[in-house]
Amino acid sequence: MPKHVDPDARRRHVVDALFRVVVREGLHRTSLRAVADEAQLNIGSLRHYFASQQDLMRFAMQSMLDRVGGRLLEHVERIGDLGSHPRAEQLRLAAGLLAELLPLDEQRRAEVIVFLDFNTAARTNPAFGDLSRQAAEGTRSLIRRVLTRLHSEGTLRPGLDLDIDIERLTALLDGLSLSAVLHPEILSPRVCTDVLLAHLGELSPPTGTPDSAR
């Protein structure tokens, strides 16, 4: 009797194996054989997901986007009504949400490595341009939603240029991600989160002003 295979469980298994190989070897050097060996599957099983190096790279990037997107939705649901929290807690919760994009643990580090390797390839390969742009737009959309919500709650200083601050925060997250992946011995997860929270705090009214009383 044929063995039943849960396609979702198999996909997660393949993605986990793929990410482990990417962390060790780099995305552009990750082969179908290496992923099959890591997942302890035959190559024929993996061809259900990708049949070429380009397919493999797109699969890795799309899987990363799906994972991060799902985790962000779960995080938003846990936060609930942001406005029900004091200002300091709103900032902490916002920082925790944005920190899902940072390499603060093994899983998120693998995701950031996939992101960095894929975007490096996308710079010279137009076949990857759509997913690269999707990731860039998704990051900015998330940051816009976070800052807009904080601003509507009076948690940010009046008169901020949200478009500029979206790009500032995007650049901060990109820089922290790159440095933490390249030099984890210098930039620890704790420092990453402290820097992120400090930046959000600088966008808020100074302590003691009427706007900071909440």
C-alpha atoms as a PDB file:
ATOM      1  CA  MET A   1       0.000   0.000   0.000  1.00  0.00           C
ATOM      2  CA  PRO A   2       1.551   3.371  -0.988  1.00  0.00           C
ATOM      3  CA  LYS A   3       2.728   5.492   1.896  1.00  0.00           C
ATOM      4  CA  HIS A   4       0.654   8.650   2.360  1.00  0.00           C
ATOM      5  CA  VAL A   5       2.730  11.826   2.255  1.00  0.00           C
ATOM      6  CA  ASP A   6       1.424  15.050   3.775  1.00  0.00           C
ATOM      7  CA  PRO A   7       2.363  17.636   1.085  1.00  0.00           C
ATOM      8  CA  ASP A   8       2.508  20.527   3.577  1.00  0.00           C
ATOM      9  CA  ALA A   9       4.733  18.593   5.968  1.00  0.00           C
ATOM     10  CA  ARG A  10       6.964  17.491   3.060  1.00  0.00           C
ATOM     11  CA  ARG A  11       7.242  21.084   1.857  1.00  0.00           C
ATOM     12  CA  ARG A  12       8.256  22.301   5.337  1.00  0.00           C
ATOM     13  CA  HIS A  13      10.799  19.489   5.520  1.00  0.00           C
ATOM     14  CA  VAL A  14      12.269  20.467   2.148  1.00  0.00           C
ATOM     15  CA  VAL A  15      12.355  24.160   3.047  1.00  0.00           C
ATOM     16  CA  ASP A  16      14.133  23.454   6.340  1.00  0.00           C
ATOM     17  CA  ALA A  17      16.734  21.346   4.536  1.00  0.00           C
ATOM     18  CA  LEU A  18      17.143  23.963   1.826  1.00  0.00           C
ATOM     19  CA  PHE A  19      17.697  26.749   4.345  1.00  0.00           C
ATOM     20  CA  ARG A  20      20.303  24.700   6.235  1.00  0.00           C
ATOM     21  CA  VAL A  21      22.255  24.120   3.013  1.00  0.00           C
ATOM     22  CA  VAL A  22      21.990  27.798   2.045  1.00  0.00           C
ATOM     23  CA  VAL A  23      23.394  28.850   5.430  1.00  0.00           C
ATOM     24  CA  ARG A  24      26.372  26.527   4.956  1.00  0.00           C
ATOM     25  CA  GLU A  25      27.031  26.892   1.227  1.00  0.00           C
ATOM     26  CA  GLY A  26      25.362  30.067   0.016  1.00  0.00           C
ATOM     27  CA  LEU A  27      22.271  30.125  -2.173  1.00  0.00           C
ATOM     28  CA  HIS A  28      24.107  30.394  -5.503  1.00  0.00           C
ATOM     29  CA  ARG A  29      26.133  27.243  -4.692  1.00  0.00           C
ATOM     30  CA  THR A  30      23.221  25.219  -3.315  1.00  0.00           C
ATOM     31  CA  SER A  31      22.554  22.247  -5.574  1.00  0.00           C
ATOM     32  CA  LEU A  32      19.553  19.982  -5.949  1.00  0.00           C
ATOM     33  CA  ARG A  33      21.690  17.042  -4.871  1.00  0.00           C
ATOM     34  CA  ALA A  34      22.817  18.818  -1.708  1.00  0.00           C
ATOM     35  CA  VAL A  35      19.250  19.646  -0.706  1.00  0.00           C
ATOM     36  CA  ALA A  36      18.105  16.084  -1.449  1.00  0.00           C
ATOM     37  CA  ASP A  37      20.903  14.667   0.706  1.00  0.00           C
ATOM     38  CA  GLU A  38      20.147  17.117   3.520  1.00  0.00           C
ATOM     39  CA  ALA A  39      16.444  16.227   3.415  1.00  0.00           C
ATOM     40  CA  GLN A  40      17.248  12.498   3.029  1.00  0.00           C
ATOM     41  CA  LEU A  41      15.060  12.333  -0.060  1.00  0.00           C
ATOM     42  CA  ASN A  42      15.713  11.220  -3.616  1.00  0.00           C
ATOM     43  CA  ILE A  43      16.116  13.870  -6.276  1.00  0.00           C
ATOM     44  CA  GLY A  44      12.929  12.765  -8.001  1.00  0.00           C
ATOM     45  CA  SER A  45      10.923  13.813  -4.939  1.00  0.00           C
ATOM     46  CA  LEU A  46      12.507  17.253  -4.965  1.00  0.00           C
ATOM     47  CA  ARG A  47      11.759  17.849  -8.636  1.00  0.00           C
ATOM     48  CA  HIS A  48       8.164  18.315  -7.555  1.00  0.00           C
ATOM     49  CA  TYR A  49       9.346  21.661  -6.161  1.00  0.00           C
ATOM     50  CA  PHE A  50      12.101  22.703  -8.549  1.00  0.00           C
ATOM     51  CA  ALA A  51      13.817  21.359 -11.637  1.00  0.00           C
ATOM     52  CA  SER A  52      16.665  23.857 -12.017  1.00  0.00           C
ATOM     53  CA  GLN A  53      18.968  26.116 -10.023  1.00  0.00           C
ATOM     54  CA  GLN A  54      16.789  29.102 -10.900  1.00  0.00           C
ATOM     55  CA  ASP A  55      13.654  27.298  -9.699  1.00  0.00           C
ATOM     56  CA  LEU A  56      15.457  26.348  -6.494  1.00  0.00           C
ATOM     57  CA  MET A  57      16.473  29.943  -5.803  1.00  0.00           C
ATOM     58  CA  ARG A  58      12.957  31.242  -6.442  1.00  0.00           C
ATOM     59  CA  PHE A  59      11.542  28.501  -4.235  1.00  0.00           C
ATOM     60  CA  ALA A  60      13.889  29.511  -1.420  1.00  0.00           C
ATOM     61  CA  MET A  61      12.967  33.193  -1.673  1.00  0.00           C
ATOM     62  CA  GLN A  62       9.231  32.568  -1.934  1.00  0.00           C
ATOM     63  CA  SER A  63       9.408  30.196   1.030  1.00  0.00           C
ATOM     64  CA  MET A  64      11.203  32.864   3.036  1.00  0.00           C
ATOM     65  CA  LEU A  65       8.549  35.451   2.172  1.00  0.00           C
ATOM     66  CA  ASP A  66       5.746  33.026   3.067  1.00  0.00           C
ATOM     67  CA  ARG A  67       7.301  32.140   6.407  1.00  0.00           C
ATOM     68  CA  VAL A  68       7.960  35.719   7.443  1.00  0.00           C
ATOM     69  CA  GLY A  69       4.525  36.830   6.273  1.00  0.00           C
ATOM     70  CA  GLY A  70       2.787  34.111   8.262  1.00  0.00           C
ATOM     71  CA  ARG A  71       4.785  34.894  11.379  1.00  0.00           C
ATOM     72  CA  LEU A  72       4.017  38.601  11.089  1.00  0.00           C
ATOM     73  CA  LEU A  73       0.289  37.889  10.906  1.00  0.00           C
ATOM     74  CA  GLU A  74       0.515  35.747  14.035  1.00  0.00           C
ATOM     75  CA  HIS A  75       2.445  38.496  15.797  1.00  0.00           C
ATOM     76  CA  VAL A  76      -0.149  41.118  14.871  1.00  0.00           C
ATOM     77  CA  GLU A  77      -2.914  38.898  16.253  1.00  0.00           C
ATOM     78  CA  ARG A  78      -1.033  38.499  19.543  1.00  0.00           C
ATOM     79  CA  ILE A  79      -0.650  42.273  19.903  1.00  0.00           C
ATOM     80  CA  GLY A  80      -4.355  42.912  19.474  1.00  0.00           C
ATOM     81  CA  ASP A  81      -5.455  46.509  20.053  1.00  0.00           C
ATOM     82  CA  LEU A  82      -2.244  48.509  20.083  1.00  0.00           C
ATOM     83  CA  GLY A  83      -4.020  51.611  21.381  1.00  0.00           C
ATOM     84  CA  SER A  84      -4.972  49.855  24.610  1.00  0.00           C
ATOM     85  CA  HIS A  85      -1.323  49.900  25.735  1.00  0.00           C
ATOM     86  CA  PRO A  86       0.738  52.759  27.245  1.00  0.00           C
ATOM     87  CA  ARG A  87       3.136  54.571  24.932  1.00  0.00           C
ATOM     88  CA  ALA A  88       6.256  52.722  26.107  1.00  0.00           C
ATOM     89  CA  GLU A  89       4.539  49.366  25.642  1.00  0.00           C
ATOM     90  CA  GLN A  90       3.326  50.373  22.175  1.00  0.00           C
ATOM     91  CA  LEU A  91       6.922  51.057  21.175  1.00  0.00           C
ATOM     92  CA  ARG A  92       8.095  47.755  22.633  1.00  0.00           C
ATOM     93  CA  LEU A  93       5.363  45.844  20.803  1.00  0.00           C
ATOM     94  CA  ALA A  94       6.132  47.642  17.529  1.00  0.00           C
ATOM     95  CA  ALA A  95       9.830  46.858  17.931  1.00  0.00           C
ATOM     96  CA  GLY A  96       9.003  43.196  18.576  1.00  0.00           C
ATOM     97  CA  LEU A  97       6.948  43.032  15.398  1.00  0.00           C
ATOM     98  CA  LEU A  98       9.659  44.622  13.251  1.00  0.00           C
ATOM     99  CA  ALA A  99      12.276  42.390  14.879  1.00  0.00           C
ATOM    100  CA  GLU A 100      10.705  39.454  13.019  1.00  0.00           C
ATOM    101  CA  LEU A 101      12.752  40.743  10.058  1.00  0.00           C
ATOM    102  CA  LEU A 102      16.054  40.563  11.964  1.00  0.00           C
ATOM    103  CA  PRO A 103      18.359  37.502  12.343  1.00  0.00           C
ATOM    104  CA  LEU A 104      17.754  37.109  16.077  1.00  0.00           C
ATOM    105  CA  ASP A 105      17.671  33.302  16.149  1.00  0.00           C
ATOM    106  CA  GLU A 106      18.641  30.368  13.930  1.00  0.00           C
ATOM    107  CA  GLN A 107      15.432  30.407  11.886  1.00  0.00           C
ATOM    108  CA  ARG A 108      15.433  34.151  11.234  1.00  0.00           C
ATOM    109  CA  ARG A 109      19.164  34.106  10.512  1.00  0.00           C
ATOM    110  CA  ALA A 110      18.568  31.510   7.783  1.00  0.00           C
ATOM    111  CA  GLU A 111      15.769  33.629   6.342  1.00  0.00           C
ATOM    112  CA  VAL A 112      17.935  36.747   6.245  1.00  0.00           C
ATOM    113  CA  ILE A 113      20.747  34.815   4.564  1.00  0.00           C
ATOM    114  CA  VAL A 114      18.325  33.612   1.870  1.00  0.00           C
ATOM    115  CA  PHE A 115      17.095  37.190   1.483  1.00  0.00           C
ATOM    116  CA  LEU A 116      20.601  38.629   1.126  1.00  0.00           C
ATOM    117  CA  ASP A 117      21.847  35.920  -1.250  1.00  0.00           C
ATOM    118  CA  PHE A 118      18.752  36.123  -3.435  1.00  0.00           C
ATOM    119  CA  ASN A 119      18.879  39.900  -3.724  1.00  0.00           C
ATOM    120  CA  THR A 120      22.555  39.752  -4.608  1.00  0.00           C
ATOM    121  CA  ALA A 121      21.642  37.410  -7.472  1.00  0.00           C
ATOM    122  CA  ALA A 122      18.676  39.597  -8.456  1.00  0.00           C
ATOM    123  CA  ARG A 123      20.976  42.560  -9.039  1.00  0.00           C
ATOM    124  CA  THR A 124      22.257  40.953 -12.247  1.00  0.00           C
ATOM    125  CA  ASN A 125      19.511  38.420 -13.054  1.00  0.00           C
ATOM    126  CA  PRO A 126      16.199  39.970 -14.153  1.00  0.00           C
ATOM    127  CA  ALA A 127      14.443  36.625 -13.672  1.00  0.00           C
ATOM    128  CA  PHE A 128      14.547  37.309  -9.927  1.00  0.00           C
ATOM    129  CA  GLY A 129      13.467  40.940 -10.095  1.00  0.00           C
ATOM    130  CA  ASP A 130       9.797  40.356  -9.258  1.00  0.00           C
ATOM    131  CA  LEU A 131      10.443  38.559  -5.976  1.00  0.00           C
ATOM    132  CA  SER A 132      13.189  40.984  -5.014  1.00  0.00           C
ATOM    133  CA  ARG A 133      10.837  43.909  -5.546  1.00  0.00           C
ATOM    134  CA  GLN A 134       8.037  42.100  -3.708  1.00  0.00           C
ATOM    135  CA  ALA A 135      10.304  41.735  -0.664  1.00  0.00           C
ATOM    136  CA  ALA A 136      11.372  45.378  -0.762  1.00  0.00           C
ATOM    137  CA  GLU A 137       7.813  46.608  -1.117  1.00  0.00           C
ATOM    138  CA  GLY A 138       6.600  44.251   1.598  1.00  0.00           C
ATOM    139  CA  THR A 139       9.132  45.588   4.092  1.00  0.00           C
ATOM    140  CA  ARG A 140       8.155  49.175   3.405  1.00  0.00           C
ATOM    141  CA  SER A 141       4.455  48.350   3.564  1.00  0.00           C
ATOM    142  CA  LEU A 142       4.915  46.746   6.990  1.00  0.00           C
ATOM    143  CA  ILE A 143       6.919  49.692   8.294  1.00  0.00           C
ATOM    144  CA  ARG A 144       4.367  52.151   6.945  1.00  0.00           C
ATOM    145  CA  ARG A 145       1.546  50.315   8.710  1.00  0.00           C
ATOM    146  CA  VAL A 146       3.466  50.236  11.994  1.00  0.00           C
ATOM    147  CA  LEU A 147       4.456  53.906  11.927  1.00  0.00           C
ATOM    148  CA  THR A 148       1.030  55.031  10.722  1.00  0.00           C
ATOM    149  CA  ARG A 149      -0.641  53.154  13.562  1.00  0.00           C
ATOM    150  CA  LEU A 150       1.758  54.581  16.149  1.00  0.00           C
ATOM    151  CA  HIS A 151       1.231  58.061  14.714  1.00  0.00           C
ATOM    152  CA  SER A 152      -2.553  57.712  14.863  1.00  0.00           C
ATOM    153  CA  GLU A 153      -2.274  56.783  18.539  1.00  0.00           C
ATOM    154  CA  GLY A 154      -0.229  59.918  19.261  1.00  0.00           C
ATOM    155  CA  THR A 155       2.826  57.802  20.069  1.00  0.00           C
ATOM    156  CA  LEU A 156       5.060  59.540  17.508  1.00  0.00           C
ATOM    157  CA  ARG A 157       6.070  63.187  17.430  1.00  0.00           C
ATOM    158  CA  PRO A 158       3.733  65.481  15.503  1.00  0.00           C
ATOM    159  CA  GLY A 159       5.039  66.694  12.165  1.00  0.00           C
ATOM    160  CA  LEU A 160       7.119  63.632  11.294  1.00  0.00           C
ATOM    161  CA  ASP A 161       7.676  63.015   7.593  1.00  0.00           C
ATOM    162  CA  LEU A 162       6.456  59.408   7.441  1.00  0.00           C
ATOM    163  CA  ASP A 163       7.887  58.793   3.965  1.00  0.00           C
ATOM    164  CA  ILE A 164      11.355  59.775   5.145  1.00  0.00           C
ATOM    165  CA  ASP A 165      11.069  57.843   8.389  1.00  0.00           C
ATOM    166  CA  ILE A 166       9.899  54.731   6.548  1.00  0.00           C
ATOM    167  CA  GLU A 167      13.112  54.810   4.512  1.00  0.00           C
ATOM    168  CA  ARG A 168      15.215  55.521   7.606  1.00  0.00           C
ATOM    169  CA  LEU A 169      13.742  52.559   9.435  1.00  0.00           C
ATOM    170  CA  THR A 170      14.062  50.331   6.356  1.00  0.00           C
ATOM    171  CA  ALA A 171      17.737  51.254   6.097  1.00  0.00           C
ATOM    172  CA  LEU A 172      18.218  50.561   9.809  1.00  0.00           C
ATOM    173  CA  LEU A 173      16.662  47.096   9.554  1.00  0.00           C
ATOM    174  CA  ASP A 174      18.687  46.298   6.426  1.00  0.00           C
ATOM    175  CA  GLY A 175      21.914  47.443   8.077  1.00  0.00           C
ATOM    176  CA  LEU A 176      21.293  45.535  11.288  1.00  0.00           C
ATOM    177  CA  SER A 177      20.409  42.393   9.336  1.00  0.00           C
ATOM    178  CA  LEU A 178      23.539  42.513   7.201  1.00  0.00           C
ATOM    179  CA  SER A 179      25.882  43.280  10.100  1.00  0.00           C
ATOM    180  CA  ALA A 180      24.345  40.651  12.375  1.00  0.00           C
ATOM    181  CA  VAL A 181      24.714  37.967   9.691  1.00  0.00           C
ATOM    182  CA  LEU A 182      28.273  38.926   8.775  1.00  0.00           C
ATOM    183  CA  HIS A 183      29.533  39.721  12.282  1.00  0.00           C
ATOM    184  CA  PRO A 184      27.368  37.992  14.911  1.00  0.00           C
ATOM    185  CA  GLU A 185      30.245  38.194  17.360  1.00  0.00           C
ATOM    186  CA  ILE A 186      30.067  42.000  17.163  1.00  0.00           C
ATOM    187  CA  LEU A 187      26.329  42.615  16.782  1.00  0.00           C
ATOM    188  CA  SER A 188      24.320  40.389  19.090  1.00  0.00           C
ATOM    189  CA  PRO A 189      20.532  39.863  18.951  1.00  0.00           C
ATOM    190  CA  ARG A 190      20.181  41.888  22.156  1.00  0.00           C
ATOM    191  CA  VAL A 191      22.014  44.853  20.658  1.00  0.00           C
ATOM    192  CA  CYS A 192      19.889  44.624  17.484  1.00  0.00           C
ATOM    193  CA  THR A 193      16.668  44.858  19.457  1.00  0.00           C
ATOM    194  CA  ASP A 194      18.036  47.616  21.699  1.00  0.00           C
ATOM    195  CA  VAL A 195      19.018  49.695  18.659  1.00  0.00           C
ATOM    196  CA  LEU A 196      15.609  49.171  17.046  1.00  0.00           C
ATOM    197  CA  LEU A 197      13.743  50.157  20.202  1.00  0.00           C
ATOM    198  CA  ALA A 198      16.003  53.183  20.707  1.00  0.00           C
ATOM    199  CA  HIS A 199      15.277  54.359  17.168  1.00  0.00           C
ATOM    200  CA  LEU A 200      11.528  54.093  17.671  1.00  0.00           C
ATOM    201  CA  GLY A 201      11.905  55.933  20.972  1.00  0.00           C
ATOM    202  CA  GLU A 202      13.601  58.815  19.178  1.00  0.00           C
ATOM    203  CA  LEU A 203      10.501  59.177  16.989  1.00  0.00           C
ATOM    204  CA  SER A 204       8.347  59.720  20.062  1.00  0.00           C
ATOM    205  CA  PRO A 205       7.726  62.960  21.993  1.00  0.00           C
ATOM    206  CA  PRO A 206      10.293  63.600  24.746  1.00  0.00           C
ATOM    207  CA  THR A 207       9.316  62.298  28.159  1.00  0.00           C
ATOM    208  CA  GLY A 208       7.384  64.891  30.118  1.00  0.00           C
ATOM    209  CA  THR A 209       5.663  66.552  27.164  1.00  0.00           C
ATOM    210  CA  PRO A 210       1.829  66.395  26.891  1.00  0.00           C
ATOM    211  CA  ASP A 211       2.047  63.962  23.943  1.00  0.00           C
ATOM    212  CA  SER A 212       4.088  61.498  26.022  1.00  0.00           C
ATOM    213  CA  ALA A 213       1.676  61.317  28.911  1.00  0.00           C
ATOM    214  CA  ARG A 214      -0.231  58.274  27.669  1.00  0.00           C
END
